[in-house]
């Protein structure tokens, strides 16, 4: 898992935003819209980072429909 986190945060261009995403979601659960507003990022950019983090088991999504919330699993 350490290598995965290293690659996701330090080894890729979006690492800084992924780190901010994980730090924000560690404090409170949010959906994509809330998170994009909190981080002042484009909705699609936020969605992309969340998909990468979920794919690599750093985050887990609750529900599969509109309003899906995310939380840290690591």
Protein backbone atom coordinates (compact mmCIF):
# COMPACT_ATOMS: atom_id res chain seq x y z
CA UNK A 1 0.00 0.00 0.00
CA UNK A 2 2.88 2.39 0.68
CA UNK A 3 4.06 2.10 -2.92
CA UNK A 4 0.56 2.76 -4.20
CA UNK A 5 0.26 5.87 -2.05
CA UNK A 6 3.72 7.02 -3.10
CA UNK A 7 2.81 6.66 -6.77
CA UNK A 8 -0.61 8.31 -6.40
CA UNK A 9 0.68 11.29 -4.43
CA UNK A 10 4.33 11.77 -5.31
CA UNK A 11 4.75 9.99 -8.61
CA UNK A 12 2.02 11.59 -10.69
CA UNK A 13 1.05 15.08 -11.83
CA UNK A 14 -2.16 15.20 -9.78
CA UNK A 15 -0.48 14.16 -6.56
CA UNK A 16 -0.89 17.47 -4.77
CA UNK A 17 -4.65 17.52 -5.40
CA UNK A 18 -4.97 13.85 -4.42
CA UNK A 19 -3.20 14.59 -1.14
CA UNK A 20 -5.54 17.53 -0.51
CA UNK A 21 -8.48 15.26 -1.33
CA UNK A 22 -7.42 12.58 1.14
CA UNK A 23 -6.71 15.15 3.86
CA UNK A 24 -10.10 16.80 3.39
CA UNK A 25 -12.01 13.51 3.35
CA UNK A 26 -10.13 12.34 6.44
CA UNK A 27 -11.84 15.17 8.34
CA UNK A 28 -15.38 14.73 6.98
CA UNK A 29 -17.39 12.74 4.44
CA UNK A 30 -18.28 14.64 1.25
CA UNK A 31 -19.73 14.05 -2.17
CA UNK A 32 -18.01 15.14 -5.38
CA UNK A 33 -19.73 18.53 -5.55
CA UNK A 34 -18.96 19.40 -1.92
CA UNK A 35 -15.36 18.32 -2.33
CA UNK A 36 -14.82 20.23 -5.58
CA UNK A 37 -16.14 23.38 -3.86
CA UNK A 38 -14.02 22.82 -0.75
CA UNK A 39 -10.85 22.31 -2.81
CA UNK A 40 -11.74 24.95 -5.40
CA UNK A 41 -11.29 22.41 -8.22
CA UNK A 42 -13.28 21.68 -11.34
CA UNK A 43 -15.98 19.01 -10.82
CA UNK A 44 -14.52 16.72 -13.52
CA UNK A 45 -11.00 17.07 -12.08
CA UNK A 46 -12.26 16.13 -8.65
CA UNK A 47 -14.17 13.19 -10.09
CA UNK A 48 -11.03 11.97 -11.89
CA UNK A 49 -8.92 12.07 -8.71
CA UNK A 50 -11.63 10.31 -6.71
CA UNK A 51 -11.87 7.54 -9.31
CA UNK A 52 -8.10 6.96 -9.15
CA UNK A 53 -8.14 6.87 -5.35
CA UNK A 54 -11.12 4.46 -5.25
CA UNK A 55 -9.49 2.19 -7.88
CA UNK A 56 -6.43 1.90 -5.65
CA UNK A 57 -8.41 1.30 -2.43
CA UNK A 58 -7.39 4.55 -0.78
CA UNK A 59 -11.01 5.74 -0.69
CA UNK A 60 -14.35 3.97 -0.55
CA UNK A 61 -17.61 5.28 -1.94
CA UNK A 62 -20.90 4.95 -0.10
CA UNK A 63 -23.87 4.44 -2.46
CA UNK A 64 -23.63 4.20 -6.22
CA UNK A 65 -25.99 6.93 -7.29
CA UNK A 66 -26.25 10.70 -7.13
CA UNK A 67 -24.88 12.10 -3.89
CA UNK A 68 -22.32 9.31 -3.47
CA UNK A 69 -20.06 10.14 -0.51
CA UNK A 70 -16.44 9.15 -0.07
CA UNK A 71 -14.33 8.26 2.93
CA UNK A 72 -10.71 7.28 3.55
CA UNK A 73 -10.01 3.56 3.91
CA UNK A 74 -6.26 3.68 4.55
